[in-house]
Amino acid sequence: METIRLYENFPPRLVAAALLVNVSIYAAGAFILAGFGHIMMTLYLLYCLGNEVHVMKMSCVDCYYYGKWCAFGKGKAAALLFKRGDPPRFIAKTISWKELVPDMLVPAFPLVGGLALLIRDFSWGIVIALALLLTLSFGGNYLIRSRIACVSCRQRELGCPAEQFFGKRQN
């Protein structure tokens, strides 16, 4: 039986892999929405940035990884932007579908936009970008979270609202 390693700080290569997936999702979405003009693309990227900042402010400040390298690099970023929160608040937090809507909109906006662009004027570039967006949003995120982030997370061991919401431990 394989022993799961819990990281105090995630190795840079794992943080880079998680960041690459996220940035690639944002880039694919921006490419798709650029079909409506630079303003739409810029608004989308600002939404993605705002969503990341919101997560750091509402969750990362209370997380075990505040000031450390979590799998997504947000613990270090949160420490640069916000003061330390209250770790017991993280453990006591509950997640519902309502809290997940902003994250679900990240791929939903370009998906809807891409389908509209395809109806208006078919483009293989948009088809490829949509395929990349969907593959990374579902498959990429699943692999990062199930094989890298959650299985090696110390906060999960202390108590994680996402784990409680999504189900079984990954051991």
C-alpha atoms as a PDB file:
ATOM      1  CA  MET A   1       0.000   0.000   0.000  1.00  0.00           C
ATOM      2  CA  GLU A   2       1.362   3.406  -1.028  1.00  0.00           C
ATOM      3  CA  THR A   3       1.859   6.007   1.691  1.00  0.00           C
ATOM      4  CA  ILE A   4       0.410   9.401   0.900  1.00  0.00           C
ATOM      5  CA  ARG A   5       2.803  12.285   1.468  1.00  0.00           C
ATOM      6  CA  LEU A   6       1.377  15.420   3.057  1.00  0.00           C
ATOM      7  CA  TYR A   7       3.229  18.566   2.045  1.00  0.00           C
ATOM      8  CA  GLU A   8       4.151  21.424   4.334  1.00  0.00           C
ATOM      9  CA  ASN A   9       4.852  23.345   1.123  1.00  0.00           C
ATOM     10  CA  PHE A  10       3.951  21.787  -2.214  1.00  0.00           C
ATOM     11  CA  PRO A  11       6.931  21.274  -4.558  1.00  0.00           C
ATOM     12  CA  PRO A  12       7.302  23.964  -7.240  1.00  0.00           C
ATOM     13  CA  ARG A  13       6.704  21.468 -10.076  1.00  0.00           C
ATOM     14  CA  LEU A  14       3.276  20.537  -8.654  1.00  0.00           C
ATOM     15  CA  VAL A  15       2.317  24.179  -8.068  1.00  0.00           C
ATOM     16  CA  ALA A  16       3.414  24.961 -11.634  1.00  0.00           C
ATOM     17  CA  ALA A  17       1.280  22.108 -13.012  1.00  0.00           C
ATOM     18  CA  ALA A  18      -1.816  23.364 -11.171  1.00  0.00           C
ATOM     19  CA  LEU A  19      -1.177  26.947 -12.228  1.00  0.00           C
ATOM     20  CA  LEU A  20      -0.638  25.864 -15.840  1.00  0.00           C
ATOM     21  CA  VAL A  21      -4.057  24.188 -15.897  1.00  0.00           C
ATOM     22  CA  ASN A  22      -5.767  27.272 -14.445  1.00  0.00           C
ATOM     23  CA  VAL A  23      -3.956  29.753 -16.684  1.00  0.00           C
ATOM     24  CA  SER A  24      -4.661  27.575 -19.733  1.00  0.00           C
ATOM     25  CA  ILE A  25      -8.385  27.545 -18.894  1.00  0.00           C
ATOM     26  CA  TYR A  26      -8.362  31.344 -18.621  1.00  0.00           C
ATOM     27  CA  ALA A  27      -6.361  31.687 -21.850  1.00  0.00           C
ATOM     28  CA  ALA A  28      -8.692  29.378 -23.799  1.00  0.00           C
ATOM     29  CA  GLY A  29     -11.698  31.308 -22.467  1.00  0.00           C
ATOM     30  CA  ALA A  30     -10.089  34.636 -23.351  1.00  0.00           C
ATOM     31  CA  PHE A  31      -9.263  33.399 -26.870  1.00  0.00           C
ATOM     32  CA  ILE A  32     -12.859  32.337 -27.407  1.00  0.00           C
ATOM     33  CA  LEU A  33     -14.384  35.529 -26.027  1.00  0.00           C
ATOM     34  CA  ALA A  34     -11.961  37.660 -28.053  1.00  0.00           C
ATOM     35  CA  GLY A  35     -14.274  36.730 -30.948  1.00  0.00           C
ATOM     36  CA  PHE A  36     -16.657  39.322 -29.471  1.00  0.00           C
ATOM     37  CA  GLY A  37     -13.911  41.947 -29.178  1.00  0.00           C
ATOM     38  CA  HIS A  38     -11.204  42.977 -26.781  1.00  0.00           C
ATOM     39  CA  ILE A  39     -13.638  44.471 -24.288  1.00  0.00           C
ATOM     40  CA  MET A  40     -15.414  41.128 -23.777  1.00  0.00           C
ATOM     41  CA  MET A  41     -12.088  39.318 -23.453  1.00  0.00           C
ATOM     42  CA  THR A  42     -10.845  41.892 -20.926  1.00  0.00           C
ATOM     43  CA  LEU A  43     -14.053  41.669 -18.885  1.00  0.00           C
ATOM     44  CA  TYR A  44     -13.686  37.875 -18.788  1.00  0.00           C
ATOM     45  CA  LEU A  45     -10.072  38.060 -17.621  1.00  0.00           C
ATOM     46  CA  LEU A  46     -11.026  40.631 -14.974  1.00  0.00           C
ATOM     47  CA  TYR A  47     -13.802  38.288 -13.815  1.00  0.00           C
ATOM     48  CA  CYS A  48     -11.272  35.417 -13.526  1.00  0.00           C
ATOM     49  CA  LEU A  49      -8.871  37.635 -11.581  1.00  0.00           C
ATOM     50  CA  GLY A  50     -11.663  38.880  -9.317  1.00  0.00           C
ATOM     51  CA  ASN A  51     -12.777  35.318  -8.660  1.00  0.00           C
ATOM     52  CA  GLU A  52      -9.235  34.305  -7.656  1.00  0.00           C
ATOM     53  CA  VAL A  53      -8.890  37.305  -5.330  1.00  0.00           C
ATOM     54  CA  HIS A  54     -12.291  36.551  -3.796  1.00  0.00           C
ATOM     55  CA  VAL A  55     -11.273  32.947  -3.054  1.00  0.00           C
ATOM     56  CA  MET A  56      -8.047  34.104  -1.448  1.00  0.00           C
ATOM     57  CA  LYS A  57      -9.850  36.689   0.684  1.00  0.00           C
ATOM     58  CA  MET A  58     -12.677  34.389   1.778  1.00  0.00           C
ATOM     59  CA  SER A  59     -10.852  31.055   2.140  1.00  0.00           C
ATOM     60  CA  CYS A  60      -7.092  31.159   1.731  1.00  0.00           C
ATOM     61  CA  VAL A  61      -6.567  33.600   4.598  1.00  0.00           C
ATOM     62  CA  ASP A  62      -8.002  30.977   6.979  1.00  0.00           C
ATOM     63  CA  CYS A  63      -6.267  27.956   5.414  1.00  0.00           C
ATOM     64  CA  TYR A  64      -3.336  26.003   6.842  1.00  0.00           C
ATOM     65  CA  TYR A  65      -1.366  26.972   3.722  1.00  0.00           C
ATOM     66  CA  TYR A  66      -1.665  30.729   4.270  1.00  0.00           C
ATOM     67  CA  GLY A  67       1.840  32.070   3.600  1.00  0.00           C
ATOM     68  CA  LYS A  68       2.937  28.675   2.251  1.00  0.00           C
ATOM     69  CA  TRP A  69       2.954  26.968  -1.131  1.00  0.00           C
ATOM     70  CA  CYS A  70      -0.381  25.205  -1.452  1.00  0.00           C
ATOM     71  CA  ALA A  71      -0.979  23.175  -4.596  1.00  0.00           C
ATOM     72  CA  PHE A  72      -2.397  26.245  -6.349  1.00  0.00           C
ATOM     73  CA  GLY A  73       0.079  28.859  -5.091  1.00  0.00           C
ATOM     74  CA  LYS A  74      -2.715  30.850  -3.471  1.00  0.00           C
ATOM     75  CA  GLY A  75      -1.419  30.550   0.090  1.00  0.00           C
ATOM     76  CA  LYS A  76       1.635  32.642  -0.781  1.00  0.00           C
ATOM     77  CA  ALA A  77      -0.419  35.079  -2.872  1.00  0.00           C
ATOM     78  CA  ALA A  78      -3.028  35.490  -0.127  1.00  0.00           C
ATOM     79  CA  ALA A  79      -0.303  36.371   2.370  1.00  0.00           C
ATOM     80  CA  LEU A  80       0.919  39.132   0.055  1.00  0.00           C
ATOM     81  CA  LEU A  81      -2.579  40.612  -0.336  1.00  0.00           C
ATOM     82  CA  PHE A  82      -4.406  39.987   2.946  1.00  0.00           C
ATOM     83  CA  LYS A  83      -3.674  39.583   6.619  1.00  0.00           C
ATOM     84  CA  ARG A  84      -4.034  36.205   8.310  1.00  0.00           C
ATOM     85  CA  GLY A  85      -7.565  35.077   9.063  1.00  0.00           C
ATOM     86  CA  ASP A  86      -8.899  32.555  11.565  1.00  0.00           C
ATOM     87  CA  PRO A  87      -7.973  28.881  10.853  1.00  0.00           C
ATOM     88  CA  PRO A  88     -10.912  27.429  12.874  1.00  0.00           C
ATOM     89  CA  ARG A  89     -13.241  29.418  10.588  1.00  0.00           C
ATOM     90  CA  PHE A  90     -11.912  27.445   7.593  1.00  0.00           C
ATOM     91  CA  ILE A  91     -12.698  24.119   9.240  1.00  0.00           C
ATOM     92  CA  ALA A  92     -16.185  25.268  10.297  1.00  0.00           C
ATOM     93  CA  LYS A  93     -17.035  26.628   6.839  1.00  0.00           C
ATOM     94  CA  THR A  94     -19.574  24.793   4.696  1.00  0.00           C
ATOM     95  CA  ILE A  95     -19.824  24.862   0.918  1.00  0.00           C
ATOM     96  CA  SER A  96     -22.978  24.754  -1.147  1.00  0.00           C
ATOM     97  CA  TRP A  97     -23.604  24.912  -4.879  1.00  0.00           C
ATOM     98  CA  LYS A  98     -24.238  28.650  -4.442  1.00  0.00           C
ATOM     99  CA  GLU A  99     -20.583  29.212  -3.480  1.00  0.00           C
ATOM    100  CA  LEU A 100     -19.437  27.218  -6.497  1.00  0.00           C
ATOM    101  CA  VAL A 101     -21.372  29.255  -9.087  1.00  0.00           C
ATOM    102  CA  PRO A 102     -18.592  31.841  -9.620  1.00  0.00           C
ATOM    103  CA  ASP A 103     -16.112  29.017 -10.344  1.00  0.00           C
ATOM    104  CA  MET A 104     -18.552  27.293 -12.690  1.00  0.00           C
ATOM    105  CA  LEU A 105     -19.021  30.521 -14.640  1.00  0.00           C
ATOM    106  CA  VAL A 106     -15.316  30.604 -15.571  1.00  0.00           C
ATOM    107  CA  PRO A 107     -15.777  27.905 -18.247  1.00  0.00           C
ATOM    108  CA  ALA A 108     -19.507  28.609 -18.767  1.00  0.00           C
ATOM    109  CA  PHE A 109     -19.062  32.146 -20.143  1.00  0.00           C
ATOM    110  CA  PRO A 110     -16.665  31.118 -22.940  1.00  0.00           C
ATOM    111  CA  LEU A 111     -18.623  27.909 -23.584  1.00  0.00           C
ATOM    112  CA  VAL A 112     -21.816  29.847 -24.274  1.00  0.00           C
ATOM    113  CA  GLY A 113     -19.886  32.506 -26.170  1.00  0.00           C
ATOM    114  CA  GLY A 114     -18.041  29.900 -28.221  1.00  0.00           C
ATOM    115  CA  LEU A 115     -21.264  28.152 -29.201  1.00  0.00           C
ATOM    116  CA  ALA A 116     -22.735  31.514 -30.263  1.00  0.00           C
ATOM    117  CA  LEU A 117     -19.626  32.245 -32.328  1.00  0.00           C
ATOM    118  CA  LEU A 118     -19.850  28.833 -33.996  1.00  0.00           C
ATOM    119  CA  ILE A 119     -23.481  29.465 -34.935  1.00  0.00           C
ATOM    120  CA  ARG A 120     -22.616  32.908 -36.266  1.00  0.00           C
ATOM    121  CA  ASP A 121     -19.484  31.855 -38.178  1.00  0.00           C
ATOM    122  CA  PHE A 122     -17.992  28.364 -37.830  1.00  0.00           C
ATOM    123  CA  SER A 123     -14.287  28.273 -36.957  1.00  0.00           C
ATOM    124  CA  TRP A 124     -12.041  25.299 -36.248  1.00  0.00           C
ATOM    125  CA  GLY A 125      -9.992  27.535 -33.957  1.00  0.00           C
ATOM    126  CA  ILE A 126     -13.041  28.056 -31.744  1.00  0.00           C
ATOM    127  CA  VAL A 127     -13.838  24.324 -31.814  1.00  0.00           C
ATOM    128  CA  ILE A 128     -10.297  23.505 -30.693  1.00  0.00           C
ATOM    129  CA  ALA A 129     -10.368  26.198 -27.986  1.00  0.00           C
ATOM    130  CA  LEU A 130     -13.726  24.877 -26.719  1.00  0.00           C
ATOM    131  CA  ALA A 131     -12.355  21.327 -26.630  1.00  0.00           C
ATOM    132  CA  LEU A 132      -9.294  22.534 -24.719  1.00  0.00           C
ATOM    133  CA  LEU A 133     -11.458  24.567 -22.334  1.00  0.00           C
ATOM    134  CA  LEU A 134     -13.739  21.619 -21.557  1.00  0.00           C
ATOM    135  CA  THR A 135     -10.898  19.112 -21.281  1.00  0.00           C
ATOM    136  CA  LEU A 136      -8.930  21.282 -18.865  1.00  0.00           C
ATOM    137  CA  SER A 137     -11.960  22.512 -16.897  1.00  0.00           C
ATOM    138  CA  PHE A 138     -13.205  19.018 -16.180  1.00  0.00           C
ATOM    139  CA  GLY A 139     -10.395  16.526 -16.824  1.00  0.00           C
ATOM    140  CA  GLY A 140      -7.457  18.756 -15.927  1.00  0.00           C
ATOM    141  CA  ASN A 141      -9.024  20.093 -12.750  1.00  0.00           C
ATOM    142  CA  TYR A 142     -10.124  16.605 -11.735  1.00  0.00           C
ATOM    143  CA  LEU A 143      -6.604  15.202 -12.172  1.00  0.00           C
ATOM    144  CA  ILE A 144      -4.928  18.093 -10.346  1.00  0.00           C
ATOM    145  CA  ARG A 145      -7.330  17.931  -7.421  1.00  0.00           C
ATOM    146  CA  SER A 146      -7.648  14.147  -7.131  1.00  0.00           C
ATOM    147  CA  ARG A 147      -4.032  13.158  -7.824  1.00  0.00           C
ATOM    148  CA  ILE A 148      -1.968  16.117  -6.610  1.00  0.00           C
ATOM    149  CA  ALA A 149      -3.707  18.733  -4.487  1.00  0.00           C
ATOM    150  CA  CYS A 150      -6.234  17.069  -2.226  1.00  0.00           C
ATOM    151  CA  VAL A 151      -4.437  13.794  -1.537  1.00  0.00           C
ATOM    152  CA  SER A 152      -1.332  15.590  -0.241  1.00  0.00           C
ATOM    153  CA  CYS A 153      -3.032  18.494   1.543  1.00  0.00           C
ATOM    154  CA  ARG A 154      -2.508  19.013   5.274  1.00  0.00           C
ATOM    155  CA  GLN A 155      -5.632  21.164   5.472  1.00  0.00           C
ATOM    156  CA  ARG A 156      -7.669  18.181   4.297  1.00  0.00           C
ATOM    157  CA  GLU A 157      -6.399  16.282   7.313  1.00  0.00           C
ATOM    158  CA  LEU A 158      -7.424  19.135   9.624  1.00  0.00           C
ATOM    159  CA  GLY A 159     -10.816  19.596   7.989  1.00  0.00           C
ATOM    160  CA  CYS A 160     -11.777  20.805   4.556  1.00  0.00           C
ATOM    161  CA  PRO A 161     -15.222  22.040   3.523  1.00  0.00           C
ATOM    162  CA  ALA A 162     -14.594  21.082  -0.119  1.00  0.00           C
ATOM    163  CA  GLU A 163     -13.845  17.505   0.882  1.00  0.00           C
ATOM    164  CA  GLN A 164     -16.998  17.394   2.967  1.00  0.00           C
ATOM    165  CA  PHE A 165     -19.019  18.754   0.044  1.00  0.00           C
ATOM    166  CA  PHE A 166     -17.565  16.541  -2.684  1.00  0.00           C
ATOM    167  CA  GLY A 167     -17.412  13.319  -0.703  1.00  0.00           C
ATOM    168  CA  LYS A 168     -14.923  10.625   0.063  1.00  0.00           C
ATOM    169  CA  ARG A 169     -11.251  11.063   0.891  1.00  0.00           C
ATOM    170  CA  GLN A 170      -8.829  10.323  -1.908  1.00  0.00           C
ATOM    171  CA  ASN A 171      -6.648   7.858   0.109  1.00  0.00           C
END
